[in-house]
Every structure is written in C-alpha cells, then in structure tokens.
Amino acid sequence: MKIVEAHGLGLRTRRGWVYRDVDLTAEAGELHVVTGPPGSGRTSLLLALAGRFPHNEGTLRTRGPAALGQVAGVHEPDPALTVAEHIQERLLLLGPVPRRRRQLVPVAAVRARRAYRRDAFAAAIAGAGFTDVPLDPDVRGRDLTPQQRQVLGLVLATLSGPSLIVADDVDAGSDAPERAWLWEALARLADQGYAVVASARAVEPGARAVEHRLGDPSLPVRPDLSIPAPAAPARTVAVPAQAVPTDAADPDATADPDATADPGATADPDATADPDATTAAGPDLTGEPDGTAKDAAAEPDPARAGDPAGDPATPDIVDPEVNR
C-alpha cells in the first residue's frame, strides 16, 4: 500500500528554490533515505512529506497520519524532562486509542497507551523494538547523546500509531557502531509495517534503504533548461606610451658637438655681437619650431660644394695633363 506519493514536488520562495523536482513513492514496510549537500532542502522536504511544511510545486498524496522523529529545531527532547517523563507526557497527550481506530493502530502502540500508568517506558521501548538500546529512563533530555536523541524521537513517533515516520539527520554526531545500530533500528520499524523516510549525509554501506539524492536547488535539473554560458575571458588593452616632448627626445638638440666644441663661436666678437649669427647658431629663442636653426646650419651651400678651400668666387682649375 502506497503511503506517500510525491511527483515533481518543490517549494519556491522569494529567495529561490528550497527543494525542487522531487519524485518519491514510499509504501508500507519500506525505508527511504534522502541525501544531498547542505542547503539542498532535506529537512524541508521531510516536513512537507509529513504535512508540516508547505509546497507550491508538484503533487503530494499521503495515506494515514505521519509522525516526526528527531528533527533539530522542530521536534527535539525537552532539556528538563527525563526519558520516562517524555514517554508519559506523550501518552497522556495522545490518550487512549479510540475503539474505531484500534484496527488501524499497531498493537504495540495500543498496549503502550494502556500501560502508561504502570510501566510506560518498558512498554514503549518494547513496542518500538528497541530493547537492546542503552537508553536510561532517568537521563534528562539535555544529557542525551545524538544516538539516544534519535532513538527517543523514534520511540515517541511510534506511540501515535502512524503510517509514516520521518527522522532528520540520523547519522549526525554518531560514530560508526552507533550509525550501524541506527540503520538497523530504522529497518526494524519498516519491518513492523511503517513507511520510514529519513535524511542523512550518506547511506551506510549494507543498509536496506532506497536512496533519493537531492542536488543543489539553484541549478537547473530539467533538460529543457539551458545552462548559462561561461563568462567571456578578460581582454587586455594595450595602453600607448606617453608622448615625449621633441626637445627632450632630440639627441641633436642636446648632444651637438659643433655647438659646444667650436671655440670660434665664443671667441669671435663679431659673432657675438651679430644678432643674425646668434639666431643661426644659438638656441631657438624666437619661437620657431624645433630644428629650424639646426637645419639651416646643416644645409649645404651649393656654391661651396665643389670648393675645397671654401672660396665661392674661385672656379675649379682643371689640369689638362691630369685628365689625360
């Protein structure tokens, strides 16, 4: 008999998906385990299957009542009550099983309710099938180990005679032997006819459980959803070097040997007194573009090109004997 049927189950809030696209069908006598990374919505999904949390995507059908085991922050032992007091309080709240429901409630739960005044602890432990667990009835809730908290939660869940039992993080804070015992205890509950759905970080090797793996709800899981394209690589833009002024970069303007080593340019009084000579040979003081005076001084005179003596009025003398 199918106890839970979930198809495309999901919950979306303003902050995004809590869980999404969950398909889970649990029948009586089956153990199902929900695993996934932190933030995948395991606890919210378990509460939704038990009817304690909403969902706004997909469909959910349940048959019979559901009970919560240990769920951190939602269903935990009272720190001030002992284990025996937790059981007595739960039995008092539940009251006797109505006659019309006795055929729907496990016999062990009916016996525990009838015996709550005499020895409720022993009856509840025996009804859950946990007689081999080291659970002291006088230990208070604040002193329970993680394993004992899980066991107490499962015992309290069986007292109401539910069809579905859910437990969260059954392997948290336990060592290897304790985890092995807890997985065996969950299998015992399933063998008694309960549909058990638990959450864990991973399924213990050898456990008889159907695993449902939840992924990151923020990532697309349907094939019709496209995966975002990878970001384009960063481009490197070359910055041009800062332009250097012509006066500073011109080696001729600063390293002209003729302008500094010619003794005649400083010893000739006529050259010093002549403003035209100063303008031609000295630095550019009139605002002309750089290189004008240098080009004028360096430009060859066509009249002096062929005269080795430097006299423009004397023509070249050609010796007819040499030309023969």
C-alpha atoms as a PDB file:
ATOM      1  CA  MET A   1       0.000   0.000   0.000  1.00  0.00           C
ATOM      2  CA  LYS A   2       1.380   3.390  -1.015  1.00  0.00           C
ATOM      3  CA  ILE A   3       1.714   5.740   1.938  1.00  0.00           C
ATOM      4  CA  VAL A   4       3.438   8.693   0.223  1.00  0.00           C
ATOM      5  CA  GLU A   5       3.327   9.701  -3.444  1.00  0.00           C
ATOM      6  CA  ALA A   6       5.250  12.822  -4.471  1.00  0.00           C
ATOM      7  CA  HIS A   7       5.686  13.872  -8.100  1.00  0.00           C
ATOM      8  CA  GLY A   8       7.660  16.960  -9.125  1.00  0.00           C
ATOM      9  CA  LEU A   9       7.436  18.256  -5.566  1.00  0.00           C
ATOM     10  CA  GLY A  10       9.039  21.638  -4.971  1.00  0.00           C
ATOM     11  CA  LEU A  11       8.969  24.791  -2.893  1.00  0.00           C
ATOM     12  CA  ARG A  12       9.986  28.169  -4.253  1.00  0.00           C
ATOM     13  CA  THR A  13      10.201  31.344  -2.174  1.00  0.00           C
ATOM     14  CA  ARG A  14      11.338  34.882  -2.835  1.00  0.00           C
ATOM     15  CA  ARG A  15      14.906  33.802  -2.154  1.00  0.00           C
ATOM     16  CA  GLY A  16      14.768  30.951  -4.654  1.00  0.00           C
ATOM     17  CA  TRP A  17      14.171  27.206  -4.573  1.00  0.00           C
ATOM     18  CA  VAL A  18      14.180  25.354  -1.259  1.00  0.00           C
ATOM     19  CA  TYR A  19      13.796  21.962  -2.951  1.00  0.00           C
ATOM     20  CA  ARG A  20      12.532  21.061  -6.392  1.00  0.00           C
ATOM     21  CA  ASP A  21      11.566  18.232  -8.769  1.00  0.00           C
ATOM     22  CA  VAL A  22      11.328  15.522  -6.102  1.00  0.00           C
ATOM     23  CA  ASP A  23       9.766  12.191  -7.049  1.00  0.00           C
ATOM     24  CA  LEU A  24       9.288   9.831  -4.103  1.00  0.00           C
ATOM     25  CA  THR A  25       6.887   6.956  -3.576  1.00  0.00           C
ATOM     26  CA  ALA A  26       7.057   5.075  -0.262  1.00  0.00           C
ATOM     27  CA  GLU A  27       4.959   2.049   0.582  1.00  0.00           C
ATOM     28  CA  ALA A  28       4.279   0.452   3.931  1.00  0.00           C
ATOM     29  CA  GLY A  29       7.279  -1.566   5.095  1.00  0.00           C
ATOM     30  CA  GLU A  30       9.841   0.445   3.081  1.00  0.00           C
ATOM     31  CA  LEU A  31      12.782   2.532   4.242  1.00  0.00           C
ATOM     32  CA  HIS A  32      13.681   5.570   2.127  1.00  0.00           C
ATOM     33  CA  VAL A  33      16.635   7.886   2.712  1.00  0.00           C
ATOM     34  CA  VAL A  34      17.013  11.426   1.371  1.00  0.00           C
ATOM     35  CA  THR A  35      20.622  12.528   0.903  1.00  0.00           C
ATOM     36  CA  GLY A  36      22.184  15.668  -0.509  1.00  0.00           C
ATOM     37  CA  PRO A  37      24.602  18.514   0.137  1.00  0.00           C
ATOM     38  CA  PRO A  38      23.929  21.165   2.792  1.00  0.00           C
ATOM     39  CA  GLY A  39      21.245  23.562   1.654  1.00  0.00           C
ATOM     40  CA  SER A  40      19.549  21.063  -0.658  1.00  0.00           C
ATOM     41  CA  GLY A  41      16.303  21.169   1.363  1.00  0.00           C
ATOM     42  CA  ARG A  42      16.364  17.741   3.018  1.00  0.00           C
ATOM     43  CA  THR A  43      14.707  18.862   6.269  1.00  0.00           C
ATOM     44  CA  SER A  44      12.082  20.951   4.479  1.00  0.00           C
ATOM     45  CA  LEU A  45      11.242  18.027   2.225  1.00  0.00           C
ATOM     46  CA  LEU A  46      10.775  15.648   5.181  1.00  0.00           C
ATOM     47  CA  LEU A  47       8.482  18.124   6.917  1.00  0.00           C
ATOM     48  CA  ALA A  48       6.494  18.556   3.708  1.00  0.00           C
ATOM     49  CA  LEU A  49       6.040  14.785   3.370  1.00  0.00           C
ATOM     50  CA  ALA A  50       4.771  14.699   6.962  1.00  0.00           C
ATOM     51  CA  GLY A  51       2.329  17.546   6.304  1.00  0.00           C
ATOM     52  CA  ARG A  52       4.236  20.039   8.486  1.00  0.00           C
ATOM     53  CA  PHE A  53       5.662  22.265   5.735  1.00  0.00           C
ATOM     54  CA  PRO A  54       4.181  23.760   2.555  1.00  0.00           C
ATOM     55  CA  HIS A  55       4.980  23.100  -1.075  1.00  0.00           C
ATOM     56  CA  ASN A  56       3.871  25.047  -4.161  1.00  0.00           C
ATOM     57  CA  GLU A  57       5.101  22.815  -6.993  1.00  0.00           C
ATOM     58  CA  GLY A  58       4.092  19.289  -7.950  1.00  0.00           C
ATOM     59  CA  THR A  59       1.636  16.957  -6.243  1.00  0.00           C
ATOM     60  CA  LEU A  60       1.709  15.122  -2.890  1.00  0.00           C
ATOM     61  CA  ARG A  61      -0.613  12.359  -1.747  1.00  0.00           C
ATOM     62  CA  THR A  62      -0.419  10.699   1.677  1.00  0.00           C
ATOM     63  CA  ARG A  63      -2.386   7.930   3.341  1.00  0.00           C
ATOM     64  CA  GLY A  64      -2.788   7.815   7.106  1.00  0.00           C
ATOM     65  CA  PRO A  65      -1.181  10.007   9.790  1.00  0.00           C
ATOM     66  CA  ALA A  66       2.500  10.895   9.953  1.00  0.00           C
ATOM     67  CA  ALA A  67       4.753  11.319  12.993  1.00  0.00           C
ATOM     68  CA  LEU A  68       8.036  13.148  13.478  1.00  0.00           C
ATOM     69  CA  GLY A  69      11.125  11.649  14.989  1.00  0.00           C
ATOM     70  CA  GLN A  70      14.145  13.778  15.873  1.00  0.00           C
ATOM     71  CA  VAL A  71      14.172  16.975  13.785  1.00  0.00           C
ATOM     72  CA  ALA A  72      16.640  19.583  15.014  1.00  0.00           C
ATOM     73  CA  GLY A  73      14.951  22.889  15.822  1.00  0.00           C
ATOM     74  CA  VAL A  74      11.462  21.484  15.194  1.00  0.00           C
ATOM     75  CA  HIS A  75      10.919  18.334  17.240  1.00  0.00           C
ATOM     76  CA  GLU A  76      13.504  17.803  19.979  1.00  0.00           C
ATOM     77  CA  PRO A  77      13.548  16.436  23.534  1.00  0.00           C
ATOM     78  CA  ASP A  78      12.791  18.822  26.357  1.00  0.00           C
ATOM     79  CA  PRO A  79      16.086  19.514  28.176  1.00  0.00           C
ATOM     80  CA  ALA A  80      14.440  19.345  31.635  1.00  0.00           C
ATOM     81  CA  LEU A  81      12.434  16.139  31.218  1.00  0.00           C
ATOM     82  CA  THR A  82      13.769  12.623  31.617  1.00  0.00           C
ATOM     83  CA  VAL A  83      13.289   9.912  29.022  1.00  0.00           C
ATOM     84  CA  ALA A  84      10.498   8.284  31.058  1.00  0.00           C
ATOM     85  CA  GLU A  85       8.758  11.639  31.516  1.00  0.00           C
ATOM     86  CA  HIS A  86       8.869  12.280  27.760  1.00  0.00           C
ATOM     87  CA  ILE A  87       7.081   8.989  27.133  1.00  0.00           C
ATOM     88  CA  GLN A  88       4.496   9.546  29.886  1.00  0.00           C
ATOM     89  CA  GLU A  89       3.753  13.050  28.658  1.00  0.00           C
ATOM     90  CA  ARG A  90       3.264  11.870  25.085  1.00  0.00           C
ATOM     91  CA  LEU A  91       0.937   9.064  26.157  1.00  0.00           C
ATOM     92  CA  LEU A  92      -1.116  11.468  28.255  1.00  0.00           C
ATOM     93  CA  LEU A  93      -1.462  13.846  25.292  1.00  0.00           C
ATOM     94  CA  LEU A  94      -2.496  11.022  22.969  1.00  0.00           C
ATOM     95  CA  GLY A  95      -4.988   9.453  25.366  1.00  0.00           C
ATOM     96  CA  PRO A  96      -6.477   6.010  24.860  1.00  0.00           C
ATOM     97  CA  VAL A  97      -6.883   4.713  21.358  1.00  0.00           C
ATOM     98  CA  PRO A  98     -10.470   5.156  20.179  1.00  0.00           C
ATOM     99  CA  ARG A  99     -12.265   1.874  19.580  1.00  0.00           C
ATOM    100  CA  ARG A 100     -12.933   2.758  15.947  1.00  0.00           C
ATOM    101  CA  ARG A 101      -9.199   3.187  15.297  1.00  0.00           C
ATOM    102  CA  ARG A 102      -7.828   0.152  17.127  1.00  0.00           C
ATOM    103  CA  GLN A 103      -7.626  -1.870  13.971  1.00  0.00           C
ATOM    104  CA  LEU A 104      -5.546   0.888  12.324  1.00  0.00           C
ATOM    105  CA  VAL A 105      -3.085   1.358  15.193  1.00  0.00           C
ATOM    106  CA  PRO A 106      -0.296  -1.182  15.774  1.00  0.00           C
ATOM    107  CA  VAL A 107      -0.904  -3.485  18.705  1.00  0.00           C
ATOM    108  CA  ALA A 108       2.308  -2.365  20.402  1.00  0.00           C
ATOM    109  CA  ALA A 109       1.114   1.254  20.422  1.00  0.00           C
ATOM    110  CA  VAL A 110      -2.245   0.238  21.915  1.00  0.00           C
ATOM    111  CA  ARG A 111      -0.508  -1.749  24.675  1.00  0.00           C
ATOM    112  CA  ALA A 112       1.824   1.171  25.432  1.00  0.00           C
ATOM    113  CA  ARG A 113      -1.112   3.533  25.890  1.00  0.00           C
ATOM    114  CA  ARG A 114      -2.845   1.093  28.204  1.00  0.00           C
ATOM    115  CA  ALA A 115       0.309   0.606  30.294  1.00  0.00           C
ATOM    116  CA  TYR A 116       1.397   4.235  30.580  1.00  0.00           C
ATOM    117  CA  ARG A 117       0.397   4.384  34.267  1.00  0.00           C
ATOM    118  CA  ARG A 118       2.227   1.194  35.230  1.00  0.00           C
ATOM    119  CA  ASP A 119       5.392   0.972  33.139  1.00  0.00           C
ATOM    120  CA  ALA A 120       5.128   3.243  30.152  1.00  0.00           C
ATOM    121  CA  PHE A 121       8.856   3.249  29.426  1.00  0.00           C
ATOM    122  CA  ALA A 122       9.215  -0.527  29.114  1.00  0.00           C
ATOM    123  CA  ALA A 123       6.042  -0.826  27.058  1.00  0.00           C
ATOM    124  CA  ALA A 124       7.102   1.942  24.660  1.00  0.00           C
ATOM    125  CA  ILE A 125      10.608   0.577  24.179  1.00  0.00           C
ATOM    126  CA  ALA A 126       9.304  -2.927  23.583  1.00  0.00           C
ATOM    127  CA  GLY A 127       6.658  -1.647  21.184  1.00  0.00           C
ATOM    128  CA  ALA A 128       9.285   0.107  19.052  1.00  0.00           C
ATOM    129  CA  GLY A 129      11.558  -2.950  19.099  1.00  0.00           C
ATOM    130  CA  PHE A 130      14.469  -1.114  20.723  1.00  0.00           C
ATOM    131  CA  THR A 131      15.004  -3.302  23.786  1.00  0.00           C
ATOM    132  CA  ASP A 132      18.730  -3.582  23.056  1.00  0.00           C
ATOM    133  CA  VAL A 133      19.397   0.151  23.116  1.00  0.00           C
ATOM    134  CA  PRO A 134      21.283   1.547  26.152  1.00  0.00           C
ATOM    135  CA  LEU A 135      18.637   4.178  26.988  1.00  0.00           C
ATOM    136  CA  ASP A 136      18.367   5.139  30.651  1.00  0.00           C
ATOM    137  CA  PRO A 137      14.833   6.271  31.622  1.00  0.00           C
ATOM    138  CA  ASP A 138      16.224   8.710  34.200  1.00  0.00           C
ATOM    139  CA  VAL A 139      18.520  10.641  31.838  1.00  0.00           C
ATOM    140  CA  ARG A 140      17.329  14.178  31.079  1.00  0.00           C
ATOM    141  CA  GLY A 141      16.991  15.478  27.575  1.00  0.00           C
ATOM    142  CA  ARG A 142      19.976  17.815  27.807  1.00  0.00           C
ATOM    143  CA  ASP A 143      22.269  14.889  28.667  1.00  0.00           C
ATOM    144  CA  LEU A 144      21.281  12.594  25.793  1.00  0.00           C
ATOM    145  CA  THR A 145      23.822  11.668  23.141  1.00  0.00           C
ATOM    146  CA  PRO A 146      22.969  12.186  19.441  1.00  0.00           C
ATOM    147  CA  GLN A 147      22.171   8.483  19.103  1.00  0.00           C
ATOM    148  CA  GLN A 148      19.912   8.486  22.180  1.00  0.00           C
ATOM    149  CA  ARG A 149      18.072  11.563  20.915  1.00  0.00           C
ATOM    150  CA  GLN A 150      17.334   9.783  17.650  1.00  0.00           C
ATOM    151  CA  VAL A 151      16.130   6.671  19.494  1.00  0.00           C
ATOM    152  CA  LEU A 152      13.851   8.674  21.799  1.00  0.00           C
ATOM    153  CA  GLY A 153      12.397  10.505  18.804  1.00  0.00           C
ATOM    154  CA  LEU A 154      11.611   7.237  17.031  1.00  0.00           C
ATOM    155  CA  VAL A 155      10.027   5.738  20.177  1.00  0.00           C
ATOM    156  CA  LEU A 156       7.798   8.779  20.656  1.00  0.00           C
ATOM    157  CA  ALA A 157       6.803   8.646  16.983  1.00  0.00           C
ATOM    158  CA  THR A 158       5.593   5.046  17.244  1.00  0.00           C
ATOM    159  CA  LEU A 159       3.282   5.817  20.182  1.00  0.00           C
ATOM    160  CA  SER A 160       0.714   7.524  17.961  1.00  0.00           C
ATOM    161  CA  GLY A 161       0.497   4.539  15.614  1.00  0.00           C
ATOM    162  CA  PRO A 162       1.296   6.463  12.399  1.00  0.00           C
ATOM    163  CA  SER A 163       1.573   5.218   8.856  1.00  0.00           C
ATOM    164  CA  LEU A 164       4.638   7.364   8.108  1.00  0.00           C
ATOM    165  CA  ILE A 165       7.647   8.144  10.324  1.00  0.00           C
ATOM    166  CA  VAL A 166      10.239  10.742   9.307  1.00  0.00           C
ATOM    167  CA  ALA A 167      13.577  11.420  11.011  1.00  0.00           C
ATOM    168  CA  ASP A 168      16.176  14.020  10.109  1.00  0.00           C
ATOM    169  CA  ASP A 169      19.983  13.677  10.082  1.00  0.00           C
ATOM    170  CA  VAL A 170      20.018  10.200  11.556  1.00  0.00           C
ATOM    171  CA  ASP A 171      23.817   9.912  11.177  1.00  0.00           C
ATOM    172  CA  ALA A 172      24.775  13.293  12.643  1.00  0.00           C
ATOM    173  CA  GLY A 173      27.183  13.169  15.589  1.00  0.00           C
ATOM    174  CA  SER A 174      27.399   9.367  15.749  1.00  0.00           C
ATOM    175  CA  ASP A 175      30.358   7.067  15.333  1.00  0.00           C
ATOM    176  CA  ALA A 176      30.448   4.012  13.066  1.00  0.00           C
ATOM    177  CA  PRO A 177      28.927   1.458  15.532  1.00  0.00           C
ATOM    178  CA  GLU A 178      26.153   3.881  16.507  1.00  0.00           C
ATOM    179  CA  ARG A 179      25.326   4.611  12.876  1.00  0.00           C
ATOM    180  CA  ALA A 180      25.174   0.892  12.103  1.00  0.00           C
ATOM    181  CA  TRP A 181      22.760   0.371  15.005  1.00  0.00           C
ATOM    182  CA  LEU A 182      20.550   3.295  13.908  1.00  0.00           C
ATOM    183  CA  TRP A 183      20.242   1.998  10.363  1.00  0.00           C
ATOM    184  CA  GLU A 184      19.269  -1.403  11.739  1.00  0.00           C
ATOM    185  CA  ALA A 185      16.690   0.257  14.015  1.00  0.00           C
ATOM    186  CA  LEU A 186      15.151   2.089  11.049  1.00  0.00           C
ATOM    187  CA  ALA A 187      14.943  -1.209   9.166  1.00  0.00           C
ATOM    188  CA  ARG A 188      13.146  -2.772  12.162  1.00  0.00           C
ATOM    189  CA  LEU A 189      10.497  -0.060  12.063  1.00  0.00           C
ATOM    190  CA  ALA A 190       9.990  -0.690   8.363  1.00  0.00           C
ATOM    191  CA  ASP A 191       9.621  -4.413   9.043  1.00  0.00           C
ATOM    192  CA  GLN A 192       6.806  -3.601  11.503  1.00  0.00           C
ATOM    193  CA  GLY A 193       4.795  -2.033   8.687  1.00  0.00           C
ATOM    194  CA  TYR A 194       5.725   1.631   8.948  1.00  0.00           C
ATOM    195  CA  ALA A 195       6.787   3.682   5.941  1.00  0.00           C
ATOM    196  CA  VAL A 196      10.015   5.293   7.112  1.00  0.00           C
ATOM    197  CA  VAL A 197      11.650   8.275   5.386  1.00  0.00           C
ATOM    198  CA  ALA A 198      14.889   9.592   6.886  1.00  0.00           C
ATOM    199  CA  SER A 199      17.565  12.044   5.834  1.00  0.00           C
ATOM    200  CA  ALA A 200      21.299  11.556   6.172  1.00  0.00           C
ATOM    201  CA  ARG A 201      24.596  12.713   4.780  1.00  0.00           C
ATOM    202  CA  ALA A 202      25.149   9.291   3.221  1.00  0.00           C
ATOM    203  CA  VAL A 203      23.623   5.848   3.354  1.00  0.00           C
ATOM    204  CA  GLU A 204      25.521   3.376   5.489  1.00  0.00           C
ATOM    205  CA  PRO A 205      27.009   0.541   3.395  1.00  0.00           C
ATOM    206  CA  GLY A 206      24.799  -2.517   3.624  1.00  0.00           C
ATOM    207  CA  ALA A 207      21.695  -0.619   4.745  1.00  0.00           C
ATOM    208  CA  ARG A 208      18.394  -1.809   3.236  1.00  0.00           C
ATOM    209  CA  ALA A 209      17.210   1.593   2.060  1.00  0.00           C
ATOM    210  CA  VAL A 210      16.057   3.315  -1.121  1.00  0.00           C
ATOM    211  CA  GLU A 211      18.178   6.419  -1.630  1.00  0.00           C
ATOM    212  CA  HIS A 212      16.915   9.699  -3.096  1.00  0.00           C
ATOM    213  CA  ARG A 213      19.701  12.142  -3.904  1.00  0.00           C
ATOM    214  CA  LEU A 214      18.896  15.857  -3.857  1.00  0.00           C
ATOM    215  CA  GLY A 215      21.055  18.273  -5.799  1.00  0.00           C
ATOM    216  CA  ASP A 216      21.610  21.995  -5.495  1.00  0.00           C
ATOM    217  CA  PRO A 217      18.116  23.523  -5.959  1.00  0.00           C
ATOM    218  CA  SER A 218      19.610  26.689  -7.508  1.00  0.00           C
ATOM    219  CA  LEU A 219      20.900  24.723 -10.526  1.00  0.00           C
ATOM    220  CA  PRO A 220      18.666  23.647 -13.429  1.00  0.00           C
ATOM    221  CA  VAL A 221      17.835  19.949 -13.411  1.00  0.00           C
ATOM    222  CA  ARG A 222      15.395  19.709 -16.294  1.00  0.00           C
ATOM    223  CA  PRO A 223      16.709  19.102 -19.818  1.00  0.00           C
ATOM    224  CA  ASP A 224      14.650  21.969 -21.232  1.00  0.00           C
ATOM    225  CA  LEU A 225      16.500  24.481 -19.085  1.00  0.00           C
ATOM    226  CA  SER A 226      19.635  25.904 -20.649  1.00  0.00           C
ATOM    227  CA  ILE A 227      22.893  26.098 -18.761  1.00  0.00           C
ATOM    228  CA  PRO A 228      24.301  29.646 -18.523  1.00  0.00           C
ATOM    229  CA  ALA A 229      27.115  30.342 -20.965  1.00  0.00           C
ATOM    230  CA  PRO A 230      30.585  30.693 -19.453  1.00  0.00           C
ATOM    231  CA  ALA A 231      31.850  34.204 -18.901  1.00  0.00           C
ATOM    232  CA  ALA A 232      33.973  35.716 -21.658  1.00  0.00           C
ATOM    233  CA  PRO A 233      37.693  35.916 -20.858  1.00  0.00           C
ATOM    234  CA  ALA A 234      39.034  39.283 -19.861  1.00  0.00           C
ATOM    235  CA  ARG A 235      40.596  41.347 -22.657  1.00  0.00           C
ATOM    236  CA  THR A 236      43.948  43.046 -22.214  1.00  0.00           C
ATOM    237  CA  VAL A 237      44.058  46.535 -23.743  1.00  0.00           C
ATOM    238  CA  ALA A 238      47.492  47.939 -24.551  1.00  0.00           C
ATOM    239  CA  VAL A 239      47.922  51.494 -23.281  1.00  0.00           C
ATOM    240  CA  PRO A 240      50.134  53.638 -25.565  1.00  0.00           C
ATOM    241  CA  ALA A 241      53.248  55.097 -24.025  1.00  0.00           C
ATOM    242  CA  GLN A 242      53.148  58.768 -23.071  1.00  0.00           C
ATOM    243  CA  ALA A 243      54.470  61.017 -25.799  1.00  0.00           C
ATOM    244  CA  VAL A 244      57.872  62.504 -25.049  1.00  0.00           C
ATOM    245  CA  PRO A 245      58.450  66.187 -25.995  1.00  0.00           C
ATOM    246  CA  THR A 246      60.546  66.657 -29.096  1.00  0.00           C
ATOM    247  CA  ASP A 247      63.027  68.886 -27.327  1.00  0.00           C
ATOM    248  CA  ALA A 248      63.785  66.201 -24.748  1.00  0.00           C
ATOM    249  CA  ALA A 249      63.943  63.332 -27.222  1.00  0.00           C
ATOM    250  CA  ASP A 250      66.059  65.024 -29.913  1.00  0.00           C
ATOM    251  CA  PRO A 251      69.664  63.911 -29.364  1.00  0.00           C
ATOM    252  CA  ASP A 252      70.935  66.523 -31.815  1.00  0.00           C
ATOM    253  CA  ALA A 253      69.496  69.364 -29.764  1.00  0.00           C
ATOM    254  CA  THR A 254      71.377  68.313 -26.628  1.00  0.00           C
ATOM    255  CA  ALA A 255      74.477  66.493 -27.896  1.00  0.00           C
ATOM    256  CA  ASP A 256      75.612  68.616 -30.883  1.00  0.00           C
ATOM    257  CA  PRO A 257      79.422  68.629 -30.640  1.00  0.00           C
ATOM    258  CA  ASP A 258      79.739  71.549 -33.056  1.00  0.00           C
ATOM    259  CA  ALA A 259      77.563  73.784 -30.915  1.00  0.00           C
ATOM    260  CA  THR A 260      79.653  73.240 -27.767  1.00  0.00           C
ATOM    261  CA  ALA A 261      83.178  72.498 -29.003  1.00  0.00           C
ATOM    262  CA  ASP A 262      83.670  75.271 -31.598  1.00  0.00           C
ATOM    263  CA  PRO A 263      85.963  77.850 -29.973  1.00  0.00           C
ATOM    264  CA  GLY A 264      85.327  80.262 -32.760  1.00  0.00           C
ATOM    265  CA  ALA A 265      81.690  80.569 -31.882  1.00  0.00           C
ATOM    266  CA  THR A 266      82.525  82.089 -28.476  1.00  0.00           C
ATOM    267  CA  ALA A 267      85.853  83.810 -29.184  1.00  0.00           C
ATOM    268  CA  ASP A 268      84.792  85.832 -32.238  1.00  0.00           C
ATOM    269  CA  PRO A 269      83.461  89.207 -31.042  1.00  0.00           C
ATOM    270  CA  ASP A 270      81.719  89.787 -34.345  1.00  0.00           C
ATOM    271  CA  ALA A 271      79.781  86.543 -33.986  1.00  0.00           C
ATOM    272  CA  THR A 272      78.672  87.546 -30.504  1.00  0.00           C
ATOM    273  CA  ALA A 273      77.587  90.991 -31.470  1.00  0.00           C
ATOM    274  CA  ASP A 274      75.870  89.994 -34.698  1.00  0.00           C
ATOM    275  CA  PRO A 275      72.201  89.187 -33.969  1.00  0.00           C
ATOM    276  CA  ASP A 276      71.911  87.232 -37.198  1.00  0.00           C
ATOM    277  CA  ALA A 277      74.783  84.899 -36.219  1.00  0.00           C
ATOM    278  CA  THR A 278      73.218  84.326 -32.789  1.00  0.00           C
ATOM    279  CA  THR A 279      69.938  83.421 -34.316  1.00  0.00           C
ATOM    280  CA  ALA A 280      71.506  80.973 -36.732  1.00  0.00           C
ATOM    281  CA  ALA A 281      73.955  79.223 -34.394  1.00  0.00           C
ATOM    282  CA  GLY A 282      72.407  79.585 -30.912  1.00  0.00           C
ATOM    283  CA  PRO A 283      69.295  78.096 -29.399  1.00  0.00           C
ATOM    284  CA  ASP A 284      65.892  78.801 -30.853  1.00  0.00           C
ATOM    285  CA  LEU A 285      64.715  81.900 -28.920  1.00  0.00           C
ATOM    286  CA  THR A 286      62.217  83.269 -31.405  1.00  0.00           C
ATOM    287  CA  GLY A 287      59.589  80.577 -31.058  1.00  0.00           C
ATOM    288  CA  GLU A 288      60.363  78.849 -34.336  1.00  0.00           C
ATOM    289  CA  PRO A 289      59.735  75.070 -34.477  1.00  0.00           C
ATOM    290  CA  ASP A 290      62.500  72.921 -33.100  1.00  0.00           C
ATOM    291  CA  GLY A 291      65.156  72.021 -35.640  1.00  0.00           C
ATOM    292  CA  THR A 292      64.829  75.118 -37.880  1.00  0.00           C
ATOM    293  CA  ALA A 293      68.154  76.643 -36.863  1.00  0.00           C
ATOM    294  CA  LYS A 294      69.866  73.289 -36.964  1.00  0.00           C
ATOM    295  CA  ASP A 295      68.563  72.536 -40.442  1.00  0.00           C
ATOM    296  CA  ALA A 296      69.624  75.954 -41.667  1.00  0.00           C
ATOM    297  CA  ALA A 297      73.098  75.480 -40.268  1.00  0.00           C
ATOM    298  CA  ALA A 298      73.450  71.974 -41.564  1.00  0.00           C
ATOM    299  CA  GLU A 299      72.026  72.636 -45.071  1.00  0.00           C
ATOM    300  CA  PRO A 300      74.944  72.514 -47.617  1.00  0.00           C
ATOM    301  CA  ASP A 301      75.641  75.517 -49.817  1.00  0.00           C
ATOM    302  CA  PRO A 302      75.579  74.563 -53.494  1.00  0.00           C
ATOM    303  CA  ALA A 303      78.156  77.243 -54.247  1.00  0.00           C
ATOM    304  CA  ARG A 304      80.615  75.728 -51.717  1.00  0.00           C
ATOM    305  CA  ALA A 305      80.025  72.089 -52.632  1.00  0.00           C
ATOM    306  CA  GLY A 306      82.911  71.785 -55.036  1.00  0.00           C
ATOM    307  CA  ASP A 307      85.362  74.241 -53.484  1.00  0.00           C
ATOM    308  CA  PRO A 308      87.716  72.527 -51.034  1.00  0.00           C
ATOM    309  CA  ALA A 309      89.131  75.891 -50.000  1.00  0.00           C
ATOM    310  CA  GLY A 310      85.757  77.311 -49.253  1.00  0.00           C
ATOM    311  CA  ASP A 311      86.034  80.334 -51.695  1.00  0.00           C
ATOM    312  CA  PRO A 312      82.871  80.609 -53.817  1.00  0.00           C
ATOM    313  CA  ALA A 313      84.462  83.145 -56.216  1.00  0.00           C
ATOM    314  CA  THR A 314      87.345  80.917 -57.294  1.00  0.00           C
ATOM    315  CA  PRO A 315      86.414  78.426 -60.012  1.00  0.00           C
ATOM    316  CA  ASP A 316      87.820  74.967 -60.097  1.00  0.00           C
ATOM    317  CA  ILE A 317      91.091  74.683 -62.091  1.00  0.00           C
ATOM    318  CA  VAL A 318      91.253  71.607 -64.271  1.00  0.00           C
ATOM    319  CA  ASP A 319      94.688  70.352 -65.218  1.00  0.00           C
ATOM    320  CA  PRO A 320      94.568  69.017 -68.781  1.00  0.00           C
ATOM    321  CA  GLU A 321      97.530  66.797 -68.121  1.00  0.00           C
ATOM    322  CA  VAL A 322      95.868  65.013 -65.241  1.00  0.00           C
ATOM    323  CA  ASN A 323      92.652  64.405 -67.201  1.00  0.00           C
ATOM    324  CA  ARG A 324      94.539  62.677 -69.989  1.00  0.00           C
END
